[in-house]
PDB file of N, CA and C in Angstrom:
ATOM      1  N   MET A   1     125.445 112.024  76.410  1.00  0.00           N
ATOM      2  CA  MET A   1     125.166 112.979  75.777  1.00  0.00           C
ATOM      3  C   MET A   1     123.666 113.857  76.695  1.00  0.00           C
ATOM      4  N   ASN A   2     123.083 112.733  77.372  1.00  0.00           N
ATOM      5  CA  ASN A   2     122.087 113.342  78.069  1.00  0.00           C
ATOM      6  C   ASN A   2     122.699 115.068  79.259  1.00  0.00           C
ATOM      7  N   VAL A   3     123.111 114.235  79.724  1.00  0.00           N
ATOM      8  CA  VAL A   3     124.257 114.885  81.080  1.00  0.00           C
ATOM      9  C   VAL A   3     125.012 116.034  80.187  1.00  0.00           C
ATOM     10  N   ARG A   4     125.235 115.859  78.937  1.00  0.00           N
ATOM     11  CA  ARG A   4     125.772 117.094  78.440  1.00  0.00           C
ATOM     12  C   ARG A   4     124.573 118.363  78.574  1.00  0.00           C
ATOM     13  N   ASN A   5     123.724 117.975  77.867  1.00  0.00           N
ATOM     14  CA  ASN A   5     122.255 119.085  77.477  1.00  0.00           C
ATOM     15  C   ASN A   5     122.042 119.293  78.665  1.00  0.00           C
ATOM     16  N   ALA A   6     121.896 118.143  79.991  1.00  0.00           N
ATOM     17  CA  ALA A   6     121.232 119.190  80.765  1.00  0.00           C
ATOM     18  C   ALA A   6     122.030 119.597  81.024  1.00  0.00           C
ATOM     19  N   LEU A   7     123.249 119.724  81.836  1.00  0.00           N
ATOM     20  CA  LEU A   7     124.409 121.008  82.201  1.00  0.00           C
ATOM     21  C   LEU A   7     124.217 121.926  81.527  1.00  0.00           C
ATOM     22  N   ARG A   8     123.883 122.384  80.260  1.00  0.00           N
ATOM     23  CA  ARG A   8     123.883 123.443  78.873  1.00  0.00           C
ATOM     24  C   ARG A   8     122.656 123.855  79.884  1.00  0.00           C
ATOM     25  N   GLN A   9     121.707 123.087  79.540  1.00  0.00           N
ATOM     26  CA  GLN A   9     120.454 124.099  80.304  1.00  0.00           C
ATOM     27  C   GLN A   9     120.258 124.227  81.470  1.00  0.00           C
ATOM     28  N   LEU A  10     121.040 123.704  82.420  1.00  0.00           N
ATOM     29  CA  LEU A  10     121.245 124.445  83.569  1.00  0.00           C
ATOM     30  C   LEU A  10     122.040 125.331  83.834  1.00  0.00           C
ATOM     31  N   LEU A  11     122.964 125.489  83.029  1.00  0.00           N
ATOM     32  CA  LEU A  11     124.027 126.990  82.942  1.00  0.00           C
ATOM     33  C   LEU A  11     123.077 128.134  82.107  1.00  0.00           C
ATOM     34  N   LEU A  12     122.211 127.900  81.041  1.00  0.00           N
ATOM     35  CA  LEU A  12     121.596 128.456  79.839  1.00  0.00           C
ATOM     36  C   LEU A  12     120.526 128.801  81.136  1.00  0.00           C
ATOM     37  N   VAL A  13     119.729 128.300  82.561  1.00  0.00           N
ATOM     38  CA  VAL A  13     118.425 128.520  83.194  1.00  0.00           C
ATOM     39  C   VAL A  13     119.244 129.788  84.357  1.00  0.00           C
ATOM     40  N   LEU A  14     120.315 129.312  84.899  1.00  0.00           N
ATOM     41  CA  LEU A  14     121.170 129.967  85.750  1.00  0.00           C
ATOM     42  C   LEU A  14     121.958 131.581  85.026  1.00  0.00           C
ATOM     43  N   MET A  15     122.227 131.609  84.075  1.00  0.00           N
ATOM     44  CA  MET A  15     122.565 132.860  83.077  1.00  0.00           C
ATOM     45  C   MET A  15     121.597 133.547  83.047  1.00  0.00           C
ATOM     46  N   VAL A  16     120.485 133.480  82.575  1.00  0.00           N
ATOM     47  CA  VAL A  16     118.985 134.059  82.500  1.00  0.00           C
ATOM     48  C   VAL A  16     118.688 134.234  83.728  1.00  0.00           C
ATOM     49  N   VAL A  17     118.875 133.386  85.190  1.00  0.00           N
ATOM     50  CA  VAL A  17     118.213 134.077  86.131  1.00  0.00           C
ATOM     51  C   VAL A  17     119.552 135.134  87.143  1.00  0.00           C
ATOM     52  N   LEU A  18     120.681 134.624  86.528  1.00  0.00           N
ATOM     53  CA  LEU A  18     121.984 135.990  86.948  1.00  0.00           C
ATOM     54  C   LEU A  18     121.300 137.595  85.967  1.00  0.00           C
ATOM     55  N   LEU A  19     120.916 137.372  84.735  1.00  0.00           N
ATOM     56  CA  LEU A  19     121.110 138.396  84.099  1.00  0.00           C
ATOM     57  C   LEU A  19     119.572 139.590  84.456  1.00  0.00           C
ATOM     58  N   GLY A  20     119.193 138.671  85.208  1.00  0.00           N
ATOM     59  CA  GLY A  20     117.650 139.022  85.556  1.00  0.00           C
ATOM     60  C   GLY A  20     117.576 139.592  86.980  1.00  0.00           C
ATOM     61  N   TRP A  21     118.408 139.321  88.067  1.00  0.00           N
ATOM     62  CA  TRP A  21     119.172 139.913  88.996  1.00  0.00           C
ATOM     63  C   TRP A  21     119.682 141.245  88.489  1.00  0.00           C
ATOM     64  N   ILE A  22     120.319 140.879  87.637  1.00  0.00           N
ATOM     65  CA  ILE A  22     121.232 142.930  87.646  1.00  0.00           C
ATOM     66  C   ILE A  22     120.478 143.631  86.705  1.00  0.00           C
ATOM     67  N   TRP A  23     119.010 143.418  86.394  1.00  0.00           N
ATOM     68  CA  TRP A  23     118.254 143.901  85.433  1.00  0.00           C
ATOM     69  C   TRP A  23     117.812 144.542  86.913  1.00  0.00           C
ATOM     70  N   LEU A  24     117.262 143.363  87.781  1.00  0.00           N
ATOM     71  CA  LEU A  24     116.590 144.298  89.175  1.00  0.00           C
ATOM     72  C   LEU A  24     117.334 144.946  89.938  1.00  0.00           C
ATOM     73  N   LYS A  25     118.851 144.541  90.057  1.00  0.00           N
ATOM     74  CA  LYS A  25     119.406 145.769  90.848  1.00  0.00           C
ATOM     75  C   LYS A  25     119.899 146.621  90.239  1.00  0.00           C
ATOM     76  N   ARG A  26     119.933 146.897  88.871  1.00  0.00           N
ATOM     77  CA  ARG A  26     121.162 147.891  88.070  1.00  0.00           C
ATOM     78  C   ARG A  26     121.124 149.544  88.639  1.00  0.00           C
ATOM     79  N   VAL A  27     120.023 149.726  89.624  1.00  0.00           N
ATOM     80  CA  VAL A  27     120.037 151.327  89.879  1.00  0.00           C
ATOM     81  C   VAL A  27     120.869 151.207  91.384  1.00  0.00           C
ATOM     82  N   GLU A  28     121.077 150.226  91.654  1.00  0.00           N
ATOM     83  CA  GLU A  28     122.054 149.772  93.106  1.00  0.00           C
ATOM     84  C   GLU A  28     123.506 149.533  92.595  1.00  0.00           C
ATOM     85  N   LEU A  29     123.270 148.810  91.655  1.00  0.00           N
ATOM     86  CA  LEU A  29     124.710 148.303  90.963  1.00  0.00           C
ATOM     87  C   LEU A  29     125.738 149.296  90.230  1.00  0.00           C
ATOM     88  N   ARG A  30     124.640 150.171  89.838  1.00  0.00           N
ATOM     89  CA  ARG A  30     125.106 151.801  89.227  1.00  0.00           C
ATOM     90  C   ARG A  30     125.670 152.746  90.253  1.00  0.00           C
ATOM     91  N   ALA A  31     125.419 152.546  91.565  1.00  0.00           N
ATOM     92  CA  ALA A  31     125.290 153.628  92.535  1.00  0.00           C
ATOM     93  C   ALA A  31     126.776 153.253  93.140  1.00  0.00           C
ATOM     94  N   PHE A  32     127.198 151.857  92.950  1.00  0.00           N
ATOM     95  CA  PHE A  32     127.670 151.015  94.054  1.00  0.00           C
ATOM     96  C   PHE A  32     129.141 152.236  93.582  1.00  0.00           C
ATOM     97  N   PRO A  33     130.066 152.462  93.197  1.00  0.00           N
ATOM     98  CA  PRO A  33     131.367 152.947  92.962  1.00  0.00           C
ATOM     99  C   PRO A  33     130.920 154.050  93.936  1.00  0.00           C
ATOM    100  N   ASP A  34     130.069 154.999  93.579  1.00  0.00           N
ATOM    101  CA  ASP A  34     130.176 156.395  94.500  1.00  0.00           C
ATOM    102  C   ASP A  34     130.046 156.462  96.153  1.00  0.00           C
ATOM    103  N   ILE A  35     129.558 155.064  96.872  1.00  0.00           N
ATOM    104  CA  ILE A  35     128.983 154.446  98.171  1.00  0.00           C
ATOM    105  C   ILE A  35     130.489 154.080  98.597  1.00  0.00           C
ATOM    106  N   LEU A  36     131.019 153.829  97.742  1.00  0.00           N
ATOM    107  CA  LEU A  36     132.437 153.049  98.765  1.00  0.00           C
ATOM    108  C   LEU A  36     133.568 154.379  99.043  1.00  0.00           C
ATOM    109  N   GLY A  37     133.701 154.973  97.839  1.00  0.00           N
ATOM    110  CA  GLY A  37     134.343 156.170  98.458  1.00  0.00           C
ATOM    111  C   GLY A  37     133.763 157.228  99.477  1.00  0.00           C
ATOM    112  N   ALA A  38     132.305 157.459  99.458  1.00  0.00           N
ATOM    113  CA  ALA A  38     131.392 158.163 100.081  1.00  0.00           C
ATOM    114  C   ALA A  38     131.775 157.806 101.975  1.00  0.00           C
ATOM    115  N   TYR A  39     131.395 156.520 102.282  1.00  0.00           N
ATOM    116  CA  TYR A  39     131.608 155.345 102.889  1.00  0.00           C
ATOM    117  C   TYR A  39     133.145 155.851 103.956  1.00  0.00           C
ATOM    118  N   THR A  40     133.872 155.716 103.000  1.00  0.00           N
ATOM    119  CA  THR A  40     135.353 155.916 103.584  1.00  0.00           C
ATOM    120  C   THR A  40     135.414 157.446 104.225  1.00  0.00           C
ATOM    121  N   ALA A  41     135.308 158.338 103.086  1.00  0.00           N
ATOM    122  CA  ALA A  41     134.974 159.674 103.528  1.00  0.00           C
ATOM    123  C   ALA A  41     134.907 159.692 104.472  1.00  0.00           C
ATOM    124  N   LYS A  42     133.379 160.044 104.532  1.00  0.00           N
ATOM    125  CA  LYS A  42     132.899 160.375 105.895  1.00  0.00           C
ATOM    126  C   LYS A  42     133.344 159.379 106.629  1.00  0.00           C
ATOM    127  N   GLU A  43     133.071 158.323 107.141  1.00  0.00           N
ATOM    128  CA  GLU A  43     134.247 157.211 108.554  1.00  0.00           C
ATOM    129  C   GLU A  43     135.053 157.999 108.288  1.00  0.00           C
ATOM    130  N   TYR A  44     135.953 157.802 107.646  1.00  0.00           N
ATOM    131  CA  TYR A  44     137.113 158.105 108.408  1.00  0.00           C
ATOM    132  C   TYR A  44     137.357 160.240 109.013  1.00  0.00           C
ATOM    133  N   CYS A  45     136.729 160.743 108.394  1.00  0.00           N
ATOM    134  CA  CYS A  45     136.479 162.007 109.064  1.00  0.00           C
ATOM    135  C   CYS A  45     135.863 162.083 110.189  1.00  0.00           C
ATOM    136  N   SER A  46     134.567 161.191 110.466  1.00  0.00           N
ATOM    137  CA  SER A  46     134.517 161.199 111.643  1.00  0.00           C
ATOM    138  C   SER A  46     134.905 160.316 112.655  1.00  0.00           C
ATOM    139  N   CYS A  47     135.610 159.730 112.155  1.00  0.00           N
ATOM    140  CA  CYS A  47     136.081 159.149 113.440  1.00  0.00           C
ATOM    141  C   CYS A  47     137.930 160.217 113.303  1.00  0.00           C
ATOM    142  N   ARG A  48     138.066 160.574 112.374  1.00  0.00           N
ATOM    143  CA  ARG A  48     139.595 161.207 113.410  1.00  0.00           C
ATOM    144  C   ARG A  48     139.082 162.458 113.362  1.00  0.00           C
ATOM    145  N   TYR A  49     138.137 163.395 113.052  1.00  0.00           N
ATOM    146  CA  TYR A  49     137.571 164.924 113.364  1.00  0.00           C
ATOM    147  C   TYR A  49     136.641 165.175 114.888  1.00  0.00           C
ATOM    148  N   VAL A  50     135.644 163.775 114.460  1.00  0.00           N
ATOM    149  CA  VAL A  50     134.510 163.673 115.628  1.00  0.00           C
ATOM    150  C   VAL A  50     134.828 163.076 116.842  1.00  0.00           C
ATOM    151  N   ALA A  51     135.591 161.987 116.754  1.00  0.00           N
ATOM    152  CA  ALA A  51     136.094 161.176 117.782  1.00  0.00           C
ATOM    153  C   ALA A  51     137.226 161.553 118.277  1.00  0.00           C
ATOM    154  N   ARG A  52     138.280 162.334 117.331  1.00  0.00           N
ATOM    155  CA  ARG A  52     139.191 162.381 117.861  1.00  0.00           C
ATOM    156  C   ARG A  52     140.345 161.389 117.459  1.00  0.00           C
ATOM    157  N   SER A  53     140.690 160.476 117.113  1.00  0.00           N
ATOM    158  CA  SER A  53     141.106 159.587 117.339  1.00  0.00           C
ATOM    159  C   SER A  53     142.032 159.511 115.884  1.00  0.00           C
ATOM    160  N   PRO A  54     143.220 158.703 116.582  1.00  0.00           N
ATOM    161  CA  PRO A  54     144.566 158.751 115.364  1.00  0.00           C
ATOM    162  C   PRO A  54     144.528 158.832 114.343  1.00  0.00           C
ATOM    163  N   ALA A  55     145.470 159.071 113.596  1.00  0.00           N
ATOM    164  CA  ALA A  55     145.017 159.013 111.773  1.00  0.00           C
ATOM    165  C   ALA A  55     145.023 157.336 111.985  1.00  0.00           C
ATOM    166  N   ASP A  56     146.034 155.968 112.366  1.00  0.00           N
ATOM    167  CA  ASP A  56     146.237 155.415 111.817  1.00  0.00           C
ATOM    168  C   ASP A  56     145.133 154.215 112.400  1.00  0.00           C
ATOM    169  N   TYR A  57     144.429 154.470 113.300  1.00  0.00           N
ATOM    170  CA  TYR A  57     143.335 154.203 113.655  1.00  0.00           C
ATOM    171  C   TYR A  57     142.468 153.895 112.503  1.00  0.00           C
ATOM    172  N   CYS A  58     142.222 155.280 112.334  1.00  0.00           N
ATOM    173  CA  CYS A  58     141.015 155.737 111.359  1.00  0.00           C
ATOM    174  C   CYS A  58     141.426 154.732 110.263  1.00  0.00           C
ATOM    175  N   ARG A  59     142.605 154.831 109.959  1.00  0.00           N
ATOM    176  CA  ARG A  59     142.752 154.473 108.439  1.00  0.00           C
ATOM    177  C   ARG A  59     142.140 152.605 108.879  1.00  0.00           C
ATOM    178  N   GLY A  60     142.648 152.309 109.748  1.00  0.00           N
ATOM    179  CA  GLY A  60     142.458 150.612 109.977  1.00  0.00           C
ATOM    180  C   GLY A  60     140.909 150.479 110.018  1.00  0.00           C
ATOM    181  N   TYR A  61     140.381 151.696 110.902  1.00  0.00           N
ATOM    182  CA  TYR A  61     139.301 151.217 110.998  1.00  0.00           C
ATOM    183  C   TYR A  61     138.088 151.693 109.763  1.00  0.00           C
ATOM    184  N   VAL A  62     138.429 152.003 108.698  1.00  0.00           N
ATOM    185  CA  VAL A  62     137.832 152.802 107.070  1.00  0.00           C
ATOM    186  C   VAL A  62     138.037 151.524 106.358  1.00  0.00           C
ATOM    187  N   LYS A  63     139.178 150.433 106.673  1.00  0.00           N
ATOM    188  CA  LYS A  63     139.677 149.748 106.001  1.00  0.00           C
ATOM    189  C   LYS A  63     138.617 149.017 105.147  1.00  0.00           C
ATOM    190  N   GLN A  64     138.526 149.029 103.437  1.00  0.00           N
ATOM    191  CA  GLN A  64     138.147 148.342 102.803  1.00  0.00           C
ATOM    192  C   GLN A  64     138.693 146.746 102.337  1.00  0.00           C
ATOM    193  N   TYR A  65     137.854 146.064 101.778  1.00  0.00           N
ATOM    194  CA  TYR A  65     138.357 144.748 100.413  1.00  0.00           C
ATOM    195  C   TYR A  65     138.852 145.592  99.346  1.00  0.00           C
ATOM    196  N   LEU A  66     137.994 146.124  98.761  1.00  0.00           N
ATOM    197  CA  LEU A  66     138.338 146.611  97.846  1.00  0.00           C
ATOM    198  C   LEU A  66     139.542 147.965  97.500  1.00  0.00           C
ATOM    199  N   PRO A  67     139.490 148.556  96.423  1.00  0.00           N
ATOM    200  CA  PRO A  67     141.027 148.748  97.032  1.00  0.00           C
ATOM    201  C   PRO A  67     140.825 150.393  96.532  1.00  0.00           C
ATOM    202  N   ILE A  68     141.147 151.344  97.567  1.00  0.00           N
ATOM    203  CA  ILE A  68     141.192 153.171  97.299  1.00  0.00           C
ATOM    204  C   ILE A  68     142.583 153.010  96.856  1.00  0.00           C
ATOM    205  N   SER A  69     142.027 153.951  95.687  1.00  0.00           N
ATOM    206  CA  SER A  69     142.786 154.312  94.804  1.00  0.00           C
ATOM    207  C   SER A  69     143.445 155.521  95.117  1.00  0.00           C
ATOM    208  N   HIS A  70     143.325 156.355  95.907  1.00  0.00           N
ATOM    209  CA  HIS A  70     143.420 157.951  96.339  1.00  0.00           C
ATOM    210  C   HIS A  70     143.159 158.848  97.296  1.00  0.00           C
ATOM    211  N   PHE A  71     143.732 158.688  98.741  1.00  0.00           N
ATOM    212  CA  PHE A  71     143.705 159.089  99.853  1.00  0.00           C
ATOM    213  C   PHE A  71     144.210 160.435 100.281  1.00  0.00           C
ATOM    214  N   VAL A  72     143.301 161.197 100.662  1.00  0.00           N
ATOM    215  CA  VAL A  72     144.283 162.769 101.235  1.00  0.00           C
ATOM    216  C   VAL A  72     143.202 162.961 102.785  1.00  0.00           C
ATOM    217  N   ASP A  73     144.286 162.593 103.218  1.00  0.00           N
ATOM    218  CA  ASP A  73     143.548 163.433 104.831  1.00  0.00           C
ATOM    219  C   ASP A  73     144.233 165.351 104.899  1.00  0.00           C
ATOM    220  N   GLU A  74     143.557 166.470 104.383  1.00  0.00           N
ATOM    221  CA  GLU A  74     144.204 167.374 105.094  1.00  0.00           C
ATOM    222  C   GLU A  74     143.520 167.812 106.527  1.00  0.00           C
ATOM    223  N   ALA A  75     144.699 167.500 107.394  1.00  0.00           N
ATOM    224  CA  ALA A  75     144.471 167.982 108.610  1.00  0.00           C
ATOM    225  C   ALA A  75     144.193 169.722 109.015  1.00  0.00           C
ATOM    226  N   SER A  76     144.858 170.274 108.181  1.00  0.00           N
ATOM    227  CA  SER A  76     144.953 172.045 108.061  1.00  0.00           C
ATOM    228  C   SER A  76     143.253 172.028 108.343  1.00  0.00           C
ATOM    229  N   GLY A  77     142.499 171.702 107.185  1.00  0.00           N
ATOM    230  CA  GLY A  77     141.093 172.314 106.192  1.00  0.00           C
ATOM    231  C   GLY A  77     140.513 171.608 107.275  1.00  0.00           C
ATOM    232  N   GLN A  78     141.046 170.003 108.227  1.00  0.00           N
ATOM    233  CA  GLN A  78     140.408 169.041 108.412  1.00  0.00           C
ATOM    234  C   GLN A  78     139.145 168.481 107.064  1.00  0.00           C
ATOM    235  N   ARG A  79     139.679 167.978 106.044  1.00  0.00           N
ATOM    236  CA  ARG A  79     138.873 167.419 104.849  1.00  0.00           C
ATOM    237  C   ARG A  79     139.591 166.167 104.423  1.00  0.00           C
ATOM    238  N   VAL A  80     138.537 165.088 104.098  1.00  0.00           N
ATOM    239  CA  VAL A  80     139.072 164.193 103.397  1.00  0.00           C
ATOM    240  C   VAL A  80     138.760 163.794 101.841  1.00  0.00           C
ATOM    241  N   THR A  81     139.157 163.664 101.010  1.00  0.00           N
ATOM    242  CA  THR A  81     139.223 163.618  99.365  1.00  0.00           C
ATOM    243  C   THR A  81     139.466 161.343  99.554  1.00  0.00           C
ATOM    244  N   VAL A  82     138.776 161.300  98.799  1.00  0.00           N
ATOM    245  CA  VAL A  82     138.938 159.577  98.885  1.00  0.00           C
ATOM    246  C   VAL A  82     138.503 159.343  97.073  1.00  0.00           C
ATOM    247  N   THR A  83     139.593 158.432  96.513  1.00  0.00           N
ATOM    248  CA  THR A  83     138.851 158.058  95.502  1.00  0.00           C
ATOM    249  C   THR A  83     138.909 156.244  95.364  1.00  0.00           C
ATOM    250  N   ALA A  84     138.027 156.356  94.917  1.00  0.00           N
ATOM    251  CA  ALA A  84     137.772 154.700  94.626  1.00  0.00           C
ATOM    252  C   ALA A  84     136.876 154.538  93.632  1.00  0.00           C
ATOM    253  N   LEU A  85     137.235 153.298  92.809  1.00  0.00           N
ATOM    254  CA  LEU A  85     136.755 152.420  91.654  1.00  0.00           C
ATOM    255  C   LEU A  85     135.558 153.936  90.780  1.00  0.00           C
ATOM    256  N   GLY A  86     137.062 155.047  90.897  1.00  0.00           N
ATOM    257  CA  GLY A  86     137.007 155.739  89.713  1.00  0.00           C
ATOM    258  C   GLY A  86     136.315 157.318  90.299  1.00  0.00           C
ATOM    259  N   ARG A  87     135.664 156.755  91.133  1.00  0.00           N
ATOM    260  CA  ARG A  87     134.819 157.914  91.329  1.00  0.00           C
ATOM    261  C   ARG A  87     135.588 158.888  92.807  1.00  0.00           C
ATOM    262  N   SER A  88     135.377 160.168  93.080  1.00  0.00           N
ATOM    263  CA  SER A  88     135.683 161.111  93.769  1.00  0.00           C
ATOM    264  C   SER A  88     135.051 161.872  95.128  1.00  0.00           C
ATOM    265  N   SER A  89     134.943 161.197  96.575  1.00  0.00           N
ATOM    266  CA  SER A  89     134.333 161.825  97.304  1.00  0.00           C
ATOM    267  C   SER A  89     134.655 162.441  98.418  1.00  0.00           C
ATOM    268  N   THR A  90     134.258 163.873  99.242  1.00  0.00           N
ATOM    269  CA  THR A  90     135.040 164.681 100.047  1.00  0.00           C
ATOM    270  C   THR A  90     134.198 164.787 100.892  1.00  0.00           C
ATOM    271  N   ALA A  91     134.590 164.228 102.185  1.00  0.00           N
ATOM    272  CA  ALA A  91     133.612 164.818 103.653  1.00  0.00           C
ATOM    273  C   ALA A  91     134.780 166.037 104.382  1.00  0.00           C
ATOM    274  N   ALA A  92     134.238 166.950 105.289  1.00  0.00           N
ATOM    275  CA  ALA A  92     134.854 168.004 105.744  1.00  0.00           C
ATOM    276  C   ALA A  92     134.229 168.159 106.994  1.00  0.00           C
ATOM    277  N   TRP A  93     134.891 168.362 108.326  1.00  0.00           N
ATOM    278  CA  TRP A  93     134.587 168.708 109.350  1.00  0.00           C
ATOM    279  C   TRP A  93     133.587 169.684 109.335  1.00  0.00           C
ATOM    280  N   LEU A  94     132.480 170.421 109.871  1.00  0.00           N
ATOM    281  CA  LEU A  94     131.753 171.454 110.178  1.00  0.00           C
ATOM    282  C   LEU A  94     131.713 172.627 111.290  1.00  0.00           C
ATOM    283  N   GLY A  95     132.632 171.382 112.432  1.00  0.00           N
ATOM    284  CA  GLY A  95     131.657 172.093 113.305  1.00  0.00           C
ATOM    285  C   GLY A  95     131.846 170.929 114.444  1.00  0.00           C
ATOM    286  N   GLU A  96     131.505 171.130 115.896  1.00  0.00           N
ATOM    287  CA  GLU A  96     131.320 170.763 116.990  1.00  0.00           C
ATOM    288  C   GLU A  96     129.558 169.657 116.489  1.00  0.00           C
ATOM    289  N   ARG A  97     128.616 170.759 117.014  1.00  0.00           N
ATOM    290  CA  ARG A  97     127.558 170.446 116.839  1.00  0.00           C
ATOM    291  C   ARG A  97     126.677 169.473 115.335  1.00  0.00           C
ATOM    292  N   GLN A  98     127.433 169.759 114.165  1.00  0.00           N
ATOM    293  CA  GLN A  98     127.308 169.324 112.572  1.00  0.00           C
ATOM    294  C   GLN A  98     128.086 168.194 112.337  1.00  0.00           C
ATOM    295  N   GLY A  99     129.193 167.761 112.767  1.00  0.00           N
ATOM    296  CA  GLY A  99     129.938 166.851 112.856  1.00  0.00           C
ATOM    297  C   GLY A  99     130.680 166.585 111.223  1.00  0.00           C
ATOM    298  N   CYS A 100     130.972 165.732 110.507  1.00  0.00           N
ATOM    299  CA  CYS A 100     131.453 165.392 109.274  1.00  0.00           C
ATOM    300  C   CYS A 100     130.426 165.797 108.401  1.00  0.00           C
ATOM    301  N   ARG A 101     130.223 166.237 106.978  1.00  0.00           N
ATOM    302  CA  ARG A 101     129.337 166.561 105.723  1.00  0.00           C
ATOM    303  C   ARG A 101     130.265 165.847 104.429  1.00  0.00           C
ATOM    304  N   LEU A 102     129.525 164.826 103.983  1.00  0.00           N
ATOM    305  CA  LEU A 102     129.907 164.930 103.009  1.00  0.00           C
ATOM    306  C   LEU A 102     129.386 165.988 101.861  1.00  0.00           C
ATOM    307  N   LEU A 103     130.235 166.586 101.211  1.00  0.00           N
ATOM    308  CA  LEU A 103     130.354 167.815 100.090  1.00  0.00           C
ATOM    309  C   LEU A 103     130.481 167.265  98.636  1.00  0.00           C
ATOM    310  N   PRO A 104     129.311 168.168  98.478  1.00  0.00           N
ATOM    311  CA  PRO A 104     128.391 168.412  96.736  1.00  0.00           C
ATOM    312  C   PRO A 104     129.714 168.323  95.927  1.00  0.00           C
TER     313      PRO A 104
END
């Protein structure tokens, strides 16, 4: 019976520590869904239109472990739109001196 109570207390302490960590990192955790799509769009745009690498290479370069639900490379407008975790981000090539930038 003592071992069972000790395990329950340990699990309770771990749960409180985890909830405390989540509370401290709440701003960063809330921003994470935006970061995944924005990173992928910006890095792919830079790889494809600034470095002028092939599309297949750039897709491998920006591949993530988390799923990308929608990916559009508009070669004519040199824009990339990525949707990941329900959030959509677009990056566009602005020119030789500016490179790629995320669009609002």
